[in-house]
Each structure stands twice: as C-alpha cells, then as structure tokens.
Amino acid sequence: MKHENCHNEEYLDTKRVEAIDMAKSLIDGKTDLLTGVRSMLRLQYELCEEEDDYDFMIFSELDSLTHHLPSSESRDKCSRNWLEKCDQEVEELVKEYLRVVKDACQAIVSRYEITHNKRH
C-alpha cells in the first residue's frame, strides 16, 4: 500500500538515511533483532517499497514469526517467566536468522547509499 509521500523525494531521502542507519545498527549489533526487524518493516512501507521486495522479505518473515513477542517498550508489563521464554525464543531466532538479516541489511545499505549519494 502506498501513501501520499511516495513521490516526495525529500521525504524519501530522509527515510533512506533512516534505513541505512537502522541497517548498519543491526549489522553492528547496536539494535536488537526485534526492534530492528520492526523498524525495517516500517521503513519498507515509508519508503514505498513493494511488499515482495527481496531485500525486505526477511523482515516481513521475522515479524510474522515474532508478532507475539513483546516490544522493548512493553517488556515492563510482562511477567519475568514470560520474558524468559520470549528471550529464549529470540536467542534461537538470532542463531538461525542473523546472517540472513545482516546480508539483507548490507544490501539495503548498498542500495540506499548509492541513491542518497547521487542526490547529494
């Protein structure tokens, strides 16, 4: 689904920089997997990328696998027992998907740095 800013190059350029920053943060391990996945999925929409965009597909897949897990903002509302189970699940997902996530992030950085650099 597209939104009204899909043709606003200034807006899109700002979102490209956000995507680059978030992707680099995921690559460097500065952002946790859940926060990063959810941010990248939001940025995919804000950047008006197609739902089946190859570089973003892993974020959609991981979001569907983790939609039941609490965000960092809602963790304080959860029981310790539930959080331990959630953290264990995230650890398993990190082991299984981190390499693929980093590869997708690198592809996104490369794509948007080229576009951003051409404009500036």
PDB file of N, CA and C in Angstrom:
ATOM      1  N   MET A   1       0.837  -1.176   0.000  1.00  0.00           N
ATOM      2  CA  MET A   1       0.000   0.000   0.000  1.00  0.00           C
ATOM      3  C   MET A   1       0.888   1.247   0.000  1.00  0.00           C
ATOM      4  N   LYS A   2       0.598   2.155  -0.845  1.00  0.00           N
ATOM      5  CA  LYS A   2       1.370   3.391  -0.976  1.00  0.00           C
ATOM      6  C   LYS A   2       0.720   4.496  -0.148  1.00  0.00           C
ATOM      7  N   HIS A   3       1.511   5.514   0.165  1.00  0.00           N
ATOM      8  CA  HIS A   3       0.995   6.650   0.909  1.00  0.00           C
ATOM      9  C   HIS A   3       1.321   7.942   0.161  1.00  0.00           C
ATOM     10  N   GLU A   4       0.859   9.071   0.693  1.00  0.00           N
ATOM     11  CA  GLU A   4       0.951  10.347  -0.027  1.00  0.00           C
ATOM     12  C   GLU A   4       2.371  10.862  -0.233  1.00  0.00           C
ATOM     13  N   ASN A   5       3.345  10.366   0.501  1.00  0.00           N
ATOM     14  CA  ASN A   5       4.716  10.858   0.358  1.00  0.00           C
ATOM     15  C   ASN A   5       5.569  10.030  -0.607  1.00  0.00           C
ATOM     16  N   CYS A   6       4.976   9.117  -1.310  1.00  0.00           N
ATOM     17  CA  CYS A   6       5.736   8.233  -2.208  1.00  0.00           C
ATOM     18  C   CYS A   6       6.420   8.965  -3.354  1.00  0.00           C
ATOM     19  N   HIS A   7       6.006  10.184  -3.639  1.00  0.00           N
ATOM     20  CA  HIS A   7       6.625  10.954  -4.718  1.00  0.00           C
ATOM     21  C   HIS A   7       7.381  12.169  -4.192  1.00  0.00           C
ATOM     22  N   ASN A   8       7.508  12.251  -2.880  1.00  0.00           N
ATOM     23  CA  ASN A   8       8.218  13.357  -2.243  1.00  0.00           C
ATOM     24  C   ASN A   8       9.665  12.926  -2.018  1.00  0.00           C
ATOM     25  N   GLU A   9      10.550  13.356  -2.912  1.00  0.00           N
ATOM     26  CA  GLU A   9      11.946  12.899  -2.861  1.00  0.00           C
ATOM     27  C   GLU A   9      12.672  13.324  -1.585  1.00  0.00           C
ATOM     28  N   GLU A  10      12.342  14.473  -1.058  1.00  0.00           N
ATOM     29  CA  GLU A  10      12.973  14.918   0.190  1.00  0.00           C
ATOM     30  C   GLU A  10      12.591  13.973   1.340  1.00  0.00           C
ATOM     31  N   TYR A  11      11.310  13.646   1.427  1.00  0.00           N
ATOM     32  CA  TYR A  11      10.829  12.703   2.434  1.00  0.00           C
ATOM     33  C   TYR A  11      11.498  11.339   2.247  1.00  0.00           C
ATOM     34  N   LEU A  12      11.499  10.844   1.015  1.00  0.00           N
ATOM     35  CA  LEU A  12      12.081   9.528   0.744  1.00  0.00           C
ATOM     36  C   LEU A  12      13.573   9.500   1.051  1.00  0.00           C
ATOM     37  N   ASP A  13      14.268  10.583   0.772  1.00  0.00           N
ATOM     38  CA  ASP A  13      15.692  10.640   1.067  1.00  0.00           C
ATOM     39  C   ASP A  13      15.935  10.555   2.577  1.00  0.00           C
ATOM     40  N   THR A  14      15.099  11.222   3.350  1.00  0.00           N
ATOM     41  CA  THR A  14      15.202  11.140   4.812  1.00  0.00           C
ATOM     42  C   THR A  14      14.982   9.701   5.282  1.00  0.00           C
ATOM     43  N   LYS A  15      14.008   9.041   4.696  1.00  0.00           N
ATOM     44  CA  LYS A  15      13.716   7.652   5.072  1.00  0.00           C
ATOM     45  C   LYS A  15      14.830   6.707   4.611  1.00  0.00           C
ATOM     46  N   ARG A  16      15.459   7.006   3.482  1.00  0.00           N
ATOM     47  CA  ARG A  16      16.601   6.200   3.029  1.00  0.00           C
ATOM     48  C   ARG A  16      17.740   6.273   4.044  1.00  0.00           C
ATOM     49  N   VAL A  17      17.994   7.475   4.536  1.00  0.00           N
ATOM     50  CA  VAL A  17      19.043   7.640   5.549  1.00  0.00           C
ATOM     51  C   VAL A  17      18.673   6.868   6.817  1.00  0.00           C
ATOM     52  N   GLU A  18      17.410   6.924   7.228  1.00  0.00           N
ATOM     53  CA  GLU A  18      16.959   6.153   8.394  1.00  0.00           C
ATOM     54  C   GLU A  18      17.162   4.655   8.165  1.00  0.00           C
ATOM     55  N   ALA A  19      16.851   4.188   6.972  1.00  0.00           N
ATOM     56  CA  ALA A  19      17.029   2.768   6.653  1.00  0.00           C
ATOM     57  C   ALA A  19      18.502   2.386   6.683  1.00  0.00           C
ATOM     58  N   ILE A  20      19.355   3.235   6.146  1.00  0.00           N
ATOM     59  CA  ILE A  20      20.798   2.986   6.187  1.00  0.00           C
ATOM     60  C   ILE A  20      21.267   2.900   7.632  1.00  0.00           C
ATOM     61  N   ASP A  21      20.860   3.863   8.441  1.00  0.00           N
ATOM     62  CA  ASP A  21      21.282   3.891   9.843  1.00  0.00           C
ATOM     63  C   ASP A  21      20.790   2.668  10.611  1.00  0.00           C
ATOM     64  N   MET A  22      19.521   2.299  10.405  1.00  0.00           N
ATOM     65  CA  MET A  22      18.977   1.145  11.115  1.00  0.00           C
ATOM     66  C   MET A  22      19.654  -0.141  10.644  1.00  0.00           C
ATOM     67  N   ALA A  23      19.861  -0.271   9.347  1.00  0.00           N
ATOM     68  CA  ALA A  23      20.522  -1.469   8.819  1.00  0.00           C
ATOM     69  C   ALA A  23      21.937  -1.589   9.379  1.00  0.00           C
ATOM     70  N   LYS A  24      22.669  -0.493   9.417  1.00  0.00           N
ATOM     71  CA  LYS A  24      24.020  -0.521   9.984  1.00  0.00           C
ATOM     72  C   LYS A  24      23.993  -0.858  11.466  1.00  0.00           C
ATOM     73  N   SER A  25      23.003  -0.356  12.160  1.00  0.00           N
ATOM     74  CA  SER A  25      22.864  -0.637  13.585  1.00  0.00           C
ATOM     75  C   SER A  25      22.578  -2.119  13.831  1.00  0.00           C
ATOM     76  N   LEU A  26      21.783  -2.716  12.963  1.00  0.00           N
ATOM     77  CA  LEU A  26      21.533  -4.163  13.054  1.00  0.00           C
ATOM     78  C   LEU A  26      22.800  -4.951  12.735  1.00  0.00           C
ATOM     79  N   ILE A  27      23.517  -4.542  11.714  1.00  0.00           N
ATOM     80  CA  ILE A  27      24.755  -5.225  11.332  1.00  0.00           C
ATOM     81  C   ILE A  27      25.763  -5.179  12.477  1.00  0.00           C
ATOM     82  N   ASP A  28      25.873  -4.014  13.118  1.00  0.00           N
ATOM     83  CA  ASP A  28      26.844  -3.819  14.200  1.00  0.00           C
ATOM     84  C   ASP A  28      26.394  -4.377  15.544  1.00  0.00           C
ATOM     85  N   GLY A  29      25.134  -4.828  15.624  1.00  0.00           N
ATOM     86  CA  GLY A  29      24.617  -5.363  16.873  1.00  0.00           C
ATOM     87  C   GLY A  29      24.227  -4.293  17.884  1.00  0.00           C
ATOM     88  N   LYS A  30      24.078  -3.054  17.433  1.00  0.00           N
ATOM     89  CA  LYS A  30      23.693  -1.967  18.331  1.00  0.00           C
ATOM     90  C   LYS A  30      22.189  -1.918  18.568  1.00  0.00           C
ATOM     91  N   THR A  31      21.451  -2.528  17.661  1.00  0.00           N
ATOM     92  CA  THR A  31      19.993  -2.611  17.792  1.00  0.00           C
ATOM     93  C   THR A  31      19.617  -4.077  17.885  1.00  0.00           C
ATOM     94  N   ASP A  32      18.732  -4.392  18.834  1.00  0.00           N
ATOM     95  CA  ASP A  32      18.319  -5.787  18.984  1.00  0.00           C
ATOM     96  C   ASP A  32      17.470  -6.222  17.798  1.00  0.00           C
ATOM     97  N   LEU A  33      17.421  -7.519  17.588  1.00  0.00           N
ATOM     98  CA  LEU A  33      16.765  -8.083  16.412  1.00  0.00           C
ATOM     99  C   LEU A  33      15.307  -7.649  16.291  1.00  0.00           C
ATOM    100  N   LEU A  34      14.530  -7.762  17.361  1.00  0.00           N
ATOM    101  CA  LEU A  34      13.104  -7.424  17.267  1.00  0.00           C
ATOM    102  C   LEU A  34      12.885  -5.960  16.920  1.00  0.00           C
ATOM    103  N   THR A  35      13.580  -5.085  17.595  1.00  0.00           N
ATOM    104  CA  THR A  35      13.435  -3.654  17.319  1.00  0.00           C
ATOM    105  C   THR A  35      13.842  -3.349  15.886  1.00  0.00           C
ATOM    106  N   GLY A  36      14.949  -3.936  15.453  1.00  0.00           N
ATOM    107  CA  GLY A  36      15.435  -3.708  14.101  1.00  0.00           C
ATOM    108  C   GLY A  36      14.490  -4.226  13.036  1.00  0.00           C
ATOM    109  N   VAL A  37      13.983  -5.427  13.238  1.00  0.00           N
ATOM    110  CA  VAL A  37      13.055  -6.026  12.273  1.00  0.00           C
ATOM    111  C   VAL A  37      11.811  -5.160  12.141  1.00  0.00           C
ATOM    112  N   ARG A  38      11.261  -4.750  13.266  1.00  0.00           N
ATOM    113  CA  ARG A  38      10.036  -3.954  13.233  1.00  0.00           C
ATOM    114  C   ARG A  38      10.292  -2.573  12.629  1.00  0.00           C
ATOM    115  N   SER A  39      11.452  -2.010  12.893  1.00  0.00           N
ATOM    116  CA  SER A  39      11.804  -0.712  12.300  1.00  0.00           C
ATOM    117  C   SER A  39      11.987  -0.825  10.794  1.00  0.00           C
ATOM    118  N   MET A  40      12.668  -1.861  10.351  1.00  0.00           N
ATOM    119  CA  MET A  40      12.898  -2.032   8.916  1.00  0.00           C
ATOM    120  C   MET A  40      11.587  -2.286   8.179  1.00  0.00           C
ATOM    121  N   LEU A  41      10.679  -3.002   8.796  1.00  0.00           N
ATOM    122  CA  LEU A  41       9.377  -3.241   8.166  1.00  0.00           C
ATOM    123  C   LEU A  41       8.596  -1.934   8.032  1.00  0.00           C
ATOM    124  N   ARG A  42       8.650  -1.099   9.051  1.00  0.00           N
ATOM    125  CA  ARG A  42       8.012   0.225   8.990  1.00  0.00           C
ATOM    126  C   ARG A  42       8.661   1.067   7.890  1.00  0.00           C
ATOM    127  N   LEU A  43       9.980   1.025   7.822  1.00  0.00           N
ATOM    128  CA  LEU A  43      10.680   1.803   6.802  1.00  0.00           C
ATOM    129  C   LEU A  43      10.381   1.302   5.396  1.00  0.00           C
ATOM    130  N   GLN A  44      10.169   0.018   5.243  1.00  0.00           N
ATOM    131  CA  GLN A  44       9.789  -0.509   3.928  1.00  0.00           C
ATOM    132  C   GLN A  44       8.513   0.179   3.453  1.00  0.00           C
ATOM    133  N   TYR A  45       7.541   0.296   4.323  1.00  0.00           N
ATOM    134  CA  TYR A  45       6.301   0.982   3.967  1.00  0.00           C
ATOM    135  C   TYR A  45       6.563   2.465   3.689  1.00  0.00           C
ATOM    136  N   GLU A  46       7.323   3.113   4.586  1.00  0.00           N
ATOM    137  CA  GLU A  46       7.572   4.543   4.439  1.00  0.00           C
ATOM    138  C   GLU A  46       8.374   4.862   3.177  1.00  0.00           C
ATOM    139  N   LEU A  47       9.194   3.901   2.737  1.00  0.00           N
ATOM    140  CA  LEU A  47       9.974   4.076   1.513  1.00  0.00           C
ATOM    141  C   LEU A  47       9.201   3.676   0.258  1.00  0.00           C
ATOM    142  N   CYS A  48       7.965   3.237   0.438  1.00  0.00           N
ATOM    143  CA  CYS A  48       7.083   2.860  -0.670  1.00  0.00           C
ATOM    144  C   CYS A  48       7.646   1.686  -1.470  1.00  0.00           C
ATOM    145  N   GLU A  49       8.361   0.810  -0.796  1.00  0.00           N
ATOM    146  CA  GLU A  49       8.876  -0.386  -1.457  1.00  0.00           C
ATOM    147  C   GLU A  49       7.754  -1.417  -1.570  1.00  0.00           C
ATOM    148  N   GLU A  50       7.843  -2.230  -2.592  1.00  0.00           N
ATOM    149  CA  GLU A  50       6.833  -3.273  -2.801  1.00  0.00           C
ATOM    150  C   GLU A  50       6.897  -4.303  -1.673  1.00  0.00           C
ATOM    151  N   GLU A  51       5.756  -4.933  -1.391  1.00  0.00           N
ATOM    152  CA  GLU A  51       5.695  -5.937  -0.329  1.00  0.00           C
ATOM    153  C   GLU A  51       6.617  -7.116  -0.595  1.00  0.00           C
ATOM    154  N   ASP A  52       6.851  -7.430  -1.859  1.00  0.00           N
ATOM    155  CA  ASP A  52       7.691  -8.576  -2.191  1.00  0.00           C
ATOM    156  C   ASP A  52       9.131  -8.178  -2.521  1.00  0.00           C
ATOM    157  N   ASP A  53       9.533  -6.986  -2.079  1.00  0.00           N
ATOM    158  CA  ASP A  53      10.910  -6.539  -2.288  1.00  0.00           C
ATOM    159  C   ASP A  53      11.852  -7.528  -1.610  1.00  0.00           C
ATOM    160  N   TYR A  54      12.751  -8.085  -2.389  1.00  0.00           N
ATOM    161  CA  TYR A  54      13.614  -9.178  -1.921  1.00  0.00           C
ATOM    162  C   TYR A  54      14.404  -8.815  -0.674  1.00  0.00           C
ATOM    163  N   ASP A  55      14.990  -7.624  -0.652  1.00  0.00           N
ATOM    164  CA  ASP A  55      15.833  -7.245   0.481  1.00  0.00           C
ATOM    165  C   ASP A  55      15.046  -7.071   1.777  1.00  0.00           C
ATOM    166  N   PHE A  56      13.765  -6.777   1.675  1.00  0.00           N
ATOM    167  CA  PHE A  56      12.948  -6.578   2.867  1.00  0.00           C
ATOM    168  C   PHE A  56      12.167  -7.819   3.286  1.00  0.00           C
ATOM    169  N   MET A  57      12.160  -8.857   2.467  1.00  0.00           N
ATOM    170  CA  MET A  57      11.320 -10.027   2.750  1.00  0.00           C
ATOM    171  C   MET A  57      11.658 -10.686   4.084  1.00  0.00           C
ATOM    172  N   ILE A  58      12.934 -10.728   4.460  1.00  0.00           N
ATOM    173  CA  ILE A  58      13.312 -11.371   5.711  1.00  0.00           C
ATOM    174  C   ILE A  58      12.686 -10.650   6.908  1.00  0.00           C
ATOM    175  N   PHE A  59      12.532  -9.335   6.813  1.00  0.00           N
ATOM    176  CA  PHE A  59      11.948  -8.590   7.926  1.00  0.00           C
ATOM    177  C   PHE A  59      10.465  -8.907   8.074  1.00  0.00           C
ATOM    178  N   SER A  60       9.788  -9.070   6.961  1.00  0.00           N
ATOM    179  CA  SER A  60       8.382  -9.459   6.991  1.00  0.00           C
ATOM    180  C   SER A  60       8.231 -10.866   7.571  1.00  0.00           C
ATOM    181  N   GLU A  61       9.106 -11.770   7.137  1.00  0.00           N
ATOM    182  CA  GLU A  61       9.061 -13.143   7.640  1.00  0.00           C
ATOM    183  C   GLU A  61       9.310 -13.176   9.149  1.00  0.00           C
ATOM    184  N   LEU A  62      10.341 -12.472   9.595  1.00  0.00           N
ATOM    185  CA  LEU A  62      10.652 -12.466  11.026  1.00  0.00           C
ATOM    186  C   LEU A  62       9.574 -11.768  11.836  1.00  0.00           C
ATOM    187  N   ASP A  63       8.977 -10.736  11.287  1.00  0.00           N
ATOM    188  CA  ASP A  63       7.891 -10.066  12.004  1.00  0.00           C
ATOM    189  C   ASP A  63       6.729 -11.020  12.226  1.00  0.00           C
ATOM    190  N   SER A  64       6.408 -11.816  11.219  1.00  0.00           N
ATOM    191  CA  SER A  64       5.304 -12.764  11.382  1.00  0.00           C
ATOM    192  C   SER A  64       5.659 -13.857  12.396  1.00  0.00           C
ATOM    193  N   LEU A  65       6.942 -14.181  12.506  1.00  0.00           N
ATOM    194  CA  LEU A  65       7.366 -15.183  13.493  1.00  0.00           C
ATOM    195  C   LEU A  65       7.440 -14.618  14.908  1.00  0.00           C
ATOM    196  N   THR A  66       7.509 -13.301  15.021  1.00  0.00           N
ATOM    197  CA  THR A  66       7.729 -12.694  16.336  1.00  0.00           C
ATOM    198  C   THR A  66       6.635 -11.732  16.776  1.00  0.00           C
ATOM    199  N   HIS A  67       5.527 -11.693  16.039  1.00  0.00           N
ATOM    200  CA  HIS A  67       4.483 -10.715  16.374  1.00  0.00           C
ATOM    201  C   HIS A  67       3.954 -10.866  17.791  1.00  0.00           C
ATOM    202  N   HIS A  68       4.076 -12.056  18.368  1.00  0.00           N
ATOM    203  CA  HIS A  68       3.578 -12.309  19.719  1.00  0.00           C
ATOM    204  C   HIS A  68       4.578 -11.900  20.806  1.00  0.00           C
ATOM    205  N   LEU A  69       5.789 -11.558  20.423  1.00  0.00           N
ATOM    206  CA  LEU A  69       6.821 -11.197  21.393  1.00  0.00           C
ATOM    207  C   LEU A  69       6.713  -9.723  21.756  1.00  0.00           C
ATOM    208  N   PRO A  70       6.935  -9.401  23.023  1.00  0.00           N
ATOM    209  CA  PRO A  70       6.778  -8.004  23.451  1.00  0.00           C
ATOM    210  C   PRO A  70       7.884  -7.102  22.900  1.00  0.00           C
ATOM    211  N   SER A  71       7.508  -5.881  22.588  1.00  0.00           N
ATOM    212  CA  SER A  71       8.497  -4.886  22.177  1.00  0.00           C
ATOM    213  C   SER A  71       9.271  -4.435  23.412  1.00  0.00           C
ATOM    214  N   SER A  72      10.367  -3.744  23.187  1.00  0.00           N
ATOM    215  CA  SER A  72      11.152  -3.265  24.324  1.00  0.00           C
ATOM    216  C   SER A  72      10.328  -2.305  25.182  1.00  0.00           C
ATOM    217  N   GLU A  73       9.409  -1.579  24.576  1.00  0.00           N
ATOM    218  CA  GLU A  73       8.555  -0.644  25.319  1.00  0.00           C
ATOM    219  C   GLU A  73       7.524  -1.344  26.196  1.00  0.00           C
ATOM    220  N   SER A  74       7.133  -2.551  25.836  1.00  0.00           N
ATOM    221  CA  SER A  74       6.080  -3.235  26.604  1.00  0.00           C
ATOM    222  C   SER A  74       6.614  -4.323  27.536  1.00  0.00           C
ATOM    223  N   ARG A  75       7.918  -4.527  27.577  1.00  0.00           N
ATOM    224  CA  ARG A  75       8.501  -5.585  28.410  1.00  0.00           C
ATOM    225  C   ARG A  75       8.202  -5.397  29.895  1.00  0.00           C
ATOM    226  N   ASP A  76       8.112  -4.156  30.358  1.00  0.00           N
ATOM    227  CA  ASP A  76       7.874  -3.920  31.780  1.00  0.00           C
ATOM    228  C   ASP A  76       6.469  -4.335  32.221  1.00  0.00           C
ATOM    229  N   LYS A  77       5.609  -4.635  31.265  1.00  0.00           N
ATOM    230  CA  LYS A  77       4.248  -5.076  31.568  1.00  0.00           C
ATOM    231  C   LYS A  77       4.112  -6.601  31.566  1.00  0.00           C
ATOM    232  N   CYS A  78       5.217  -7.295  31.323  1.00  0.00           N
ATOM    233  CA  CYS A  78       5.193  -8.749  31.191  1.00  0.00           C
ATOM    234  C   CYS A  78       5.804  -9.421  32.417  1.00  0.00           C
ATOM    235  N   SER A  79       5.373 -10.640  32.671  1.00  0.00           N
ATOM    236  CA  SER A  79       5.931 -11.393  33.797  1.00  0.00           C
ATOM    237  C   SER A  79       7.353 -11.834  33.476  1.00  0.00           C
ATOM    238  N   ARG A  80       8.130 -12.036  34.504  1.00  0.00           N
ATOM    239  CA  ARG A  80       9.517 -12.481  34.338  1.00  0.00           C
ATOM    240  C   ARG A  80       9.567 -13.827  33.616  1.00  0.00           C
ATOM    241  N   ASN A  81       8.658 -14.723  33.975  1.00  0.00           N
ATOM    242  CA  ASN A  81       8.617 -16.048  33.348  1.00  0.00           C
ATOM    243  C   ASN A  81       8.360 -15.937  31.842  1.00  0.00           C
ATOM    244  N   TRP A  82       7.404 -15.107  31.471  1.00  0.00           N
ATOM    245  CA  TRP A  82       7.095 -14.912  30.054  1.00  0.00           C
ATOM    246  C   TRP A  82       8.286 -14.298  29.319  1.00  0.00           C
ATOM    247  N   LEU A  83       8.924 -13.306  29.924  1.00  0.00           N
ATOM    248  CA  LEU A  83      10.076 -12.662  29.300  1.00  0.00           C
ATOM    249  C   LEU A  83      11.228 -13.649  29.094  1.00  0.00           C
ATOM    250  N   GLU A  84      11.433 -14.543  30.047  1.00  0.00           N
ATOM    251  CA  GLU A  84      12.489 -15.549  29.894  1.00  0.00           C
ATOM    252  C   GLU A  84      12.209 -16.445  28.695  1.00  0.00           C
ATOM    253  N   LYS A  85      10.950 -16.848  28.530  1.00  0.00           N
ATOM    254  CA  LYS A  85      10.569 -17.667  27.377  1.00  0.00           C
ATOM    255  C   LYS A  85      10.747 -16.882  26.074  1.00  0.00           C
ATOM    256  N   CYS A  86      10.336 -15.633  26.092  1.00  0.00           N
ATOM    257  CA  CYS A  86      10.474 -14.793  24.902  1.00  0.00           C
ATOM    258  C   CYS A  86      11.943 -14.596  24.548  1.00  0.00           C
ATOM    259  N   ASP A  87      12.758 -14.322  25.549  1.00  0.00           N
ATOM    260  CA  ASP A  87      14.188 -14.102  25.308  1.00  0.00           C
ATOM    261  C   ASP A  87      14.851 -15.352  24.746  1.00  0.00           C
ATOM    262  N   GLN A  88      14.440 -16.490  25.234  1.00  0.00           N
ATOM    263  CA  GLN A  88      14.981 -17.752  24.719  1.00  0.00           C
ATOM    264  C   GLN A  88      14.583 -17.937  23.248  1.00  0.00           C
ATOM    265  N   GLU A  89      13.343 -17.601  22.934  1.00  0.00           N
ATOM    266  CA  GLU A  89      12.875 -17.698  21.544  1.00  0.00           C
ATOM    267  C   GLU A  89      13.660 -16.749  20.644  1.00  0.00           C
ATOM    268  N   VAL A  90      13.905 -15.534  21.118  1.00  0.00           N
ATOM    269  CA  VAL A  90      14.666 -14.561  20.332  1.00  0.00           C
ATOM    270  C   VAL A  90      16.097 -15.058  20.124  1.00  0.00           C
ATOM    271  N   GLU A  91      16.692 -15.631  21.151  1.00  0.00           N
ATOM    272  CA  GLU A  91      18.049 -16.183  21.014  1.00  0.00           C
ATOM    273  C   GLU A  91      18.109 -17.230  19.906  1.00  0.00           C
ATOM    274  N   GLU A  92      17.123 -18.088  19.843  1.00  0.00           N
ATOM    275  CA  GLU A  92      17.071 -19.110  18.791  1.00  0.00           C
ATOM    276  C   GLU A  92      16.910 -18.471  17.410  1.00  0.00           C
ATOM    277  N   LEU A  93      16.071 -17.454  17.333  1.00  0.00           N
ATOM    278  CA  LEU A  93      15.878 -16.763  16.056  1.00  0.00           C
ATOM    279  C   LEU A  93      17.157 -16.057  15.619  1.00  0.00           C
ATOM    280  N   VAL A  94      17.863 -15.472  16.559  1.00  0.00           N
ATOM    281  CA  VAL A  94      19.119 -14.803  16.237  1.00  0.00           C
ATOM    282  C   VAL A  94      20.104 -15.820  15.671  1.00  0.00           C
ATOM    283  N   LYS A  95      20.211 -16.970  16.314  1.00  0.00           N
ATOM    284  CA  LYS A  95      21.118 -18.012  15.817  1.00  0.00           C
ATOM    285  C   LYS A  95      20.759 -18.434  14.394  1.00  0.00           C
ATOM    286  N   GLU A  96      19.477 -18.546  14.140  1.00  0.00           N
ATOM    287  CA  GLU A  96      19.018 -19.043  12.850  1.00  0.00           C
ATOM    288  C   GLU A  96      19.027 -17.986  11.744  1.00  0.00           C
ATOM    289  N   TYR A  97      18.728 -16.730  12.084  1.00  0.00           N
ATOM    290  CA  TYR A  97      18.474 -15.721  11.055  1.00  0.00           C
ATOM    291  C   TYR A  97      19.471 -14.569  10.998  1.00  0.00           C
ATOM    292  N   LEU A  98      20.368 -14.446  11.946  1.00  0.00           N
ATOM    293  CA  LEU A  98      21.212 -13.260  11.999  1.00  0.00           C
ATOM    294  C   LEU A  98      22.022 -13.054  10.724  1.00  0.00           C
ATOM    295  N   ARG A  99      22.586 -14.118  10.173  1.00  0.00           N
ATOM    296  CA  ARG A  99      23.388 -13.973   8.958  1.00  0.00           C
ATOM    297  C   ARG A  99      22.530 -13.452   7.796  1.00  0.00           C
ATOM    298  N   VAL A 100      21.326 -13.970   7.662  1.00  0.00           N
ATOM    299  CA  VAL A 100      20.423 -13.547   6.584  1.00  0.00           C
ATOM    300  C   VAL A 100      20.000 -12.091   6.792  1.00  0.00           C
ATOM    301  N   VAL A 101      19.726 -11.729   8.036  1.00  0.00           N
ATOM    302  CA  VAL A 101      19.350 -10.346   8.351  1.00  0.00           C
ATOM    303  C   VAL A 101      20.497  -9.402   8.012  1.00  0.00           C
ATOM    304  N   LYS A 102      21.704  -9.769   8.398  1.00  0.00           N
ATOM    305  CA  LYS A 102      22.858  -8.911   8.100  1.00  0.00           C
ATOM    306  C   LYS A 102      23.080  -8.784   6.600  1.00  0.00           C
ATOM    307  N   ASP A 103      22.888  -9.861   5.870  1.00  0.00           N
ATOM    308  CA  ASP A 103      23.028  -9.804   4.404  1.00  0.00           C
ATOM    309  C   ASP A 103      21.986  -8.860   3.800  1.00  0.00           C
ATOM    310  N   ALA A 104      20.752  -8.962   4.265  1.00  0.00           N
ATOM    311  CA  ALA A 104      19.690  -8.077   3.768  1.00  0.00           C
ATOM    312  C   ALA A 104      20.002  -6.633   4.126  1.00  0.00           C
ATOM    313  N   CYS A 105      20.489  -6.417   5.334  1.00  0.00           N
ATOM    314  CA  CYS A 105      20.851  -5.061   5.755  1.00  0.00           C
ATOM    315  C   CYS A 105      21.961  -4.495   4.885  1.00  0.00           C
ATOM    316  N   GLN A 106      22.948  -5.311   4.579  1.00  0.00           N
ATOM    317  CA  GLN A 106      24.043  -4.836   3.735  1.00  0.00           C
ATOM    318  C   GLN A 106      23.538  -4.477   2.342  1.00  0.00           C
ATOM    319  N   ALA A 107      22.631  -5.274   1.815  1.00  0.00           N
ATOM    320  CA  ALA A 107      22.054  -4.976   0.504  1.00  0.00           C
ATOM    321  C   ALA A 107      21.275  -3.662   0.541  1.00  0.00           C
ATOM    322  N   ILE A 108      20.545  -3.428   1.614  1.00  0.00           N
ATOM    323  CA  ILE A 108      19.767  -2.195   1.755  1.00  0.00           C
ATOM    324  C   ILE A 108      20.699  -0.992   1.892  1.00  0.00           C
ATOM    325  N   VAL A 109      21.752  -1.139   2.680  1.00  0.00           N
ATOM    326  CA  VAL A 109      22.737  -0.057   2.815  1.00  0.00           C
ATOM    327  C   VAL A 109      23.322   0.272   1.446  1.00  0.00           C
ATOM    328  N   SER A 110      23.736  -0.743   0.719  1.00  0.00           N
ATOM    329  CA  SER A 110      24.325  -0.516  -0.606  1.00  0.00           C
ATOM    330  C   SER A 110      23.334   0.171  -1.541  1.00  0.00           C
ATOM    331  N   ARG A 111      22.113  -0.287  -1.551  1.00  0.00           N
ATOM    332  CA  ARG A 111      21.091   0.287  -2.437  1.00  0.00           C
ATOM    333  C   ARG A 111      20.827   1.752  -2.117  1.00  0.00           C
ATOM    334  N   TYR A 112      20.601   2.053  -0.849  1.00  0.00           N
ATOM    335  CA  TYR A 112      20.218   3.415  -0.487  1.00  0.00           C
ATOM    336  C   TYR A 112      21.397   4.365  -0.401  1.00  0.00           C
ATOM    337  N   GLU A 113      22.588   3.888  -0.109  1.00  0.00           N
ATOM    338  CA  GLU A 113      23.747   4.779  -0.124  1.00  0.00           C
ATOM    339  C   GLU A 113      24.009   5.273  -1.545  1.00  0.00           C
ATOM    340  N   ILE A 114      23.866   4.391  -2.502  1.00  0.00           N
ATOM    341  CA  ILE A 114      24.038   4.799  -3.907  1.00  0.00           C
ATOM    342  C   ILE A 114      23.015   5.863  -4.278  1.00  0.00           C
ATOM    343  N   THR A 115      21.752   5.636  -3.949  1.00  0.00           N
ATOM    344  CA  THR A 115      20.693   6.582  -4.270  1.00  0.00           C
ATOM    345  C   THR A 115      20.916   7.905  -3.534  1.00  0.00           C
ATOM    346  N   HIS A 116      21.255   7.805  -2.250  1.00  0.00           N
ATOM    347  CA  HIS A 116      21.452   9.005  -1.429  1.00  0.00           C
ATOM    348  C   HIS A 116      22.651   9.802  -1.939  1.00  0.00           C
ATOM    349  N   ASN A 117      23.726   9.123  -2.240  1.00  0.00           N
ATOM    350  CA  ASN A 117      24.945   9.808  -2.706  1.00  0.00           C
ATOM    351  C   ASN A 117      24.753  10.474  -4.062  1.00  0.00           C
ATOM    352  N   LYS A 118      23.938   9.887  -4.916  1.00  0.00           N
ATOM    353  CA  LYS A 118      23.663  10.509  -6.221  1.00  0.00           C
ATOM    354  C   LYS A 118      22.917  11.819  -6.065  1.00  0.00           C
ATOM    355  N   ARG A 119      22.117  11.907  -5.036  1.00  0.00           N
ATOM    356  CA  ARG A 119      21.295  13.092  -4.829  1.00  0.00           C
ATOM    357  C   ARG A 119      22.056  14.206  -4.117  1.00  0.00           C
ATOM    358  N   HIS A 120      23.192  13.876  -3.495  1.00  0.00           N
ATOM    359  CA  HIS A 120      23.909  14.900  -2.690  1.00  0.00           C
ATOM    360  C   HIS A 120      25.296  15.139  -3.178  1.00  0.00           C
TER     361      HIS A 120
END
